[in-house]
Amino acid sequence: MRIILYLVAIITANVVTAAFAPLQLGVFIIPMGTFLIGATFIFRDLVQNKYGRKKTYFCIAIALALSALVSFLLGDTLLIVLASALSFVISETADTEIYTRLNLPMSWRVLYSGIVGGLLDSVIFVIIGLSPIGANFIPWEAVPFAIFGQIIVKTVIQGIAAIIINVIYYTSRNHTATP
């Protein structure tokens, strides 16, 4: 089920981003799929926690192929598909490796690895895909606001997930402990 949630979240993020205009919160520009992309880092961590690193990389490869295919089928330009694929590979790899190496409770690993993954995903995709270097969808003046808007949303999602995981872990741990 974790793998399915991971893959569905990635595909849905592409569809939502293509179907809805970006959210404008003050100066921040946030593609609607950003809310789901933040969740994909959590689902990826849950996949890794259950199945290990090797199977996680296999899932990342499947997710990459599905994401690129859906993005292309939705009419994204080749440059957007490539920017999405590059940001995906780098951010998911960083998330996986940080999650693997941290010797902390799961909630902290989810938080830290997800923040780094979200930061990399936001910076790479906006600069390569959306800025004047890429598809030129946003001017240079808007680039920092597009990056920071996504980082804020992804960080909040990681924080909420870390709290939920922490509560679930300690609740289940306290219920299984014998007096």
Protein backbone atom coordinates (compact mmCIF):
# COMPACT_ATOMS: atom_id res chain seq x y z
CA MET A 1 0.00 0.00 0.00
CA ARG A 2 2.89 2.39 0.75
CA ILE A 3 4.30 1.95 -2.74
CA ILE A 4 0.91 2.59 -4.30
CA LEU A 5 0.44 5.76 -2.23
CA TYR A 6 3.88 6.96 -3.29
CA LEU A 7 3.25 6.36 -7.00
CA VAL A 8 -0.30 7.75 -6.95
CA ALA A 9 0.84 10.90 -5.13
CA ILE A 10 3.50 11.57 -7.77
CA ILE A 11 1.13 11.02 -10.69
CA THR A 12 -1.60 13.08 -9.03
CA ALA A 13 0.84 15.93 -8.37
CA ASN A 14 1.56 16.10 -12.11
CA VAL A 15 -2.14 16.06 -13.01
CA VAL A 16 -3.05 18.68 -10.39
CA THR A 17 -0.18 20.95 -11.46
CA ALA A 18 -1.31 20.74 -15.09
CA ALA A 19 -5.02 21.15 -14.31
CA PHE A 20 -4.96 24.09 -11.89
CA ALA A 21 -3.37 27.51 -12.00
CA PRO A 22 -0.66 28.15 -9.39
CA LEU A 23 -1.81 29.48 -6.04
CA GLN A 24 -0.73 33.07 -5.42
CA LEU A 25 -0.25 33.73 -1.69
CA GLY A 26 0.95 37.28 -1.43
CA VAL A 27 4.25 37.31 -3.31
CA PHE A 28 4.58 33.51 -3.29
CA ILE A 29 3.74 31.39 -6.32
CA ILE A 30 2.83 27.79 -5.48
CA PRO A 31 1.89 25.21 -8.11
CA MET A 32 -1.05 23.19 -6.76
CA GLY A 33 0.89 19.93 -7.12
CA THR A 34 3.38 21.20 -4.52
CA PHE A 35 1.06 20.05 -1.74
CA LEU A 36 1.28 16.49 -3.04
CA ILE A 37 5.01 16.64 -3.82
CA GLY A 38 5.63 17.40 -0.15
CA ALA A 39 3.73 14.22 0.68
CA THR A 40 5.73 12.11 -1.78
CA PHE A 41 8.87 12.54 0.32
CA ILE A 42 6.97 11.17 3.31
CA PHE A 43 5.57 8.24 1.33
CA ARG A 44 9.06 7.52 -0.02
CA ASP A 45 10.40 7.43 3.54
CA LEU A 46 7.62 5.03 4.54
CA VAL A 47 8.47 2.80 1.56
CA GLN A 48 12.12 2.80 2.57
CA ASN A 49 11.29 2.14 6.19
CA LYS A 50 9.35 -0.99 5.25
CA TYR A 51 11.19 -2.32 2.17
CA GLY A 52 14.72 -0.97 2.44
CA ARG A 53 16.90 1.23 0.30
CA LYS A 54 17.34 -1.06 -2.71
CA LYS A 55 13.62 -1.52 -3.29
CA THR A 56 13.10 2.20 -2.67
CA TYR A 57 15.43 3.05 -5.56
CA PHE A 58 13.46 0.64 -7.75
CA CYS A 59 10.27 2.49 -6.75
CA ILE A 60 11.93 5.83 -7.49
CA ALA A 61 12.82 4.58 -10.99
CA ILE A 62 9.23 3.50 -11.61
CA ALA A 63 7.93 6.80 -10.24
CA LEU A 64 10.33 8.73 -12.47
CA ALA A 65 9.15 6.90 -15.59
CA LEU A 66 5.48 7.33 -14.67
CA SER A 67 5.97 11.00 -13.79
CA ALA A 68 7.74 11.75 -17.06
CA LEU A 69 5.12 9.86 -19.08
CA VAL A 70 2.19 11.60 -17.37
CA SER A 71 3.86 14.99 -17.69
CA PHE A 72 4.46 14.41 -21.41
CA LEU A 73 0.90 13.12 -21.97
CA LEU A 74 -0.48 16.20 -20.23
CA GLY A 75 1.25 18.35 -22.84
CA ASP A 76 4.25 19.61 -20.90
CA THR A 77 7.14 20.70 -23.07
CA LEU A 78 10.18 18.45 -23.25
CA LEU A 79 12.12 21.02 -21.22
CA ILE A 80 9.53 20.90 -18.41
CA VAL A 81 9.55 17.08 -18.48
CA LEU A 82 13.36 17.07 -18.26
CA ALA A 83 13.43 19.68 -15.48
CA SER A 84 10.85 17.69 -13.56
CA ALA A 85 12.79 14.45 -14.05
CA LEU A 86 16.10 16.00 -13.01
CA SER A 87 14.67 17.68 -9.91
CA PHE A 88 12.87 14.44 -9.04
CA VAL A 89 15.96 12.23 -9.30
CA ILE A 90 18.17 14.60 -7.32
CA SER A 91 15.62 15.38 -4.59
CA GLU A 92 14.47 11.77 -4.14
CA THR A 93 18.07 10.53 -4.03
CA ALA A 94 19.01 13.17 -1.46
CA ASP A 95 15.94 12.31 0.62
CA THR A 96 16.77 8.59 0.45
CA GLU A 97 20.42 8.99 1.39
CA ILE A 98 19.79 11.46 4.22
CA TYR A 99 17.00 9.29 5.62
CA THR A 100 19.34 6.28 5.46
CA ARG A 101 22.27 7.92 7.21
CA LEU A 102 20.57 9.77 10.03
CA ASN A 103 20.69 7.90 13.31
CA LEU A 104 17.58 9.59 14.72
CA PRO A 105 13.99 8.62 15.41
CA MET A 106 11.90 8.17 12.26
CA SER A 107 10.00 11.43 12.73
CA TRP A 108 13.25 13.45 12.68
CA ARG A 109 14.60 11.53 9.68
CA VAL A 110 11.35 12.22 7.79
CA LEU A 111 11.55 15.92 8.70
CA TYR A 112 15.22 16.49 7.85
CA SER A 113 15.39 14.38 4.70
CA GLY A 114 12.12 15.84 3.43
CA ILE A 115 13.21 19.42 4.00
CA VAL A 116 16.41 18.87 2.01
CA GLY A 117 14.55 16.94 -0.71
CA GLY A 118 11.90 19.65 -0.95
CA LEU A 119 14.50 22.41 -1.10
CA LEU A 120 16.40 20.69 -3.92
CA ASP A 121 13.22 19.85 -5.83
CA SER A 122 11.99 23.45 -5.62
CA VAL A 123 15.25 25.14 -6.58
CA ILE A 124 16.10 22.80 -9.45
CA PHE A 125 12.63 22.67 -10.99
CA VAL A 126 11.96 26.40 -10.80
CA ILE A 127 15.35 27.42 -12.19
CA ILE A 128 15.65 24.78 -14.91
CA GLY A 129 11.96 24.41 -15.76
CA LEU A 130 10.21 27.71 -15.15
CA SER A 131 12.79 30.53 -15.18
CA PRO A 132 14.08 32.35 -18.26
CA ILE A 133 16.84 29.69 -18.44
CA GLY A 134 14.13 27.08 -18.95
CA ALA A 135 10.64 27.42 -20.38
CA ASN A 136 10.48 31.13 -19.42
CA PHE A 137 7.13 30.82 -17.64
CA ILE A 138 8.16 33.23 -14.90
CA PRO A 139 10.51 36.23 -14.97
CA TRP A 140 13.69 36.34 -12.87
CA GLU A 141 11.99 38.64 -10.36
CA ALA A 142 9.44 35.89 -9.59
CA VAL A 143 11.94 33.02 -9.30
CA PRO A 144 12.78 33.51 -5.59
CA PHE A 145 9.08 33.76 -4.73
CA ALA A 146 8.28 30.60 -6.67
CA ILE A 147 11.13 28.75 -4.94
CA PHE A 148 10.35 30.00 -1.43
CA GLY A 149 6.60 29.45 -1.83
CA GLN A 150 7.22 25.79 -2.65
CA ILE A 151 9.81 25.39 0.10
CA ILE A 152 7.43 26.82 2.69
CA VAL A 153 4.59 24.48 1.72
CA LYS A 154 6.83 21.40 1.53
CA THR A 155 8.45 22.23 4.88
CA VAL A 156 5.09 22.66 6.59
CA ILE A 157 3.94 19.31 5.17
CA GLN A 158 7.16 17.65 6.42
CA GLY A 159 6.64 19.18 9.86
CA ILE A 160 3.05 17.97 10.09
CA ALA A 161 4.11 14.48 8.98
CA ALA A 162 6.92 14.38 11.53
CA ILE A 163 4.47 15.28 14.31
CA ILE A 164 1.97 12.65 13.16
CA ILE A 165 4.65 9.96 12.88
CA ASN A 166 5.98 10.89 16.31
CA VAL A 167 2.51 10.67 17.88
CA ILE A 168 1.77 7.34 16.16
CA TYR A 169 5.13 5.88 17.18
CA TYR A 170 4.89 6.91 20.82
CA THR A 171 1.21 5.99 21.07
CA SER A 172 1.81 2.51 19.64
CA ARG A 173 4.94 2.10 21.75
CA ASN A 174 3.12 3.02 24.98
CA HIS A 175 0.21 0.69 24.19
CA THR A 176 2.46 -2.29 23.53
CA ALA A 177 4.62 -1.76 26.60
CA THR A 178 3.89 -4.04 29.52
CA PRO A 179 3.72 -2.54 33.01
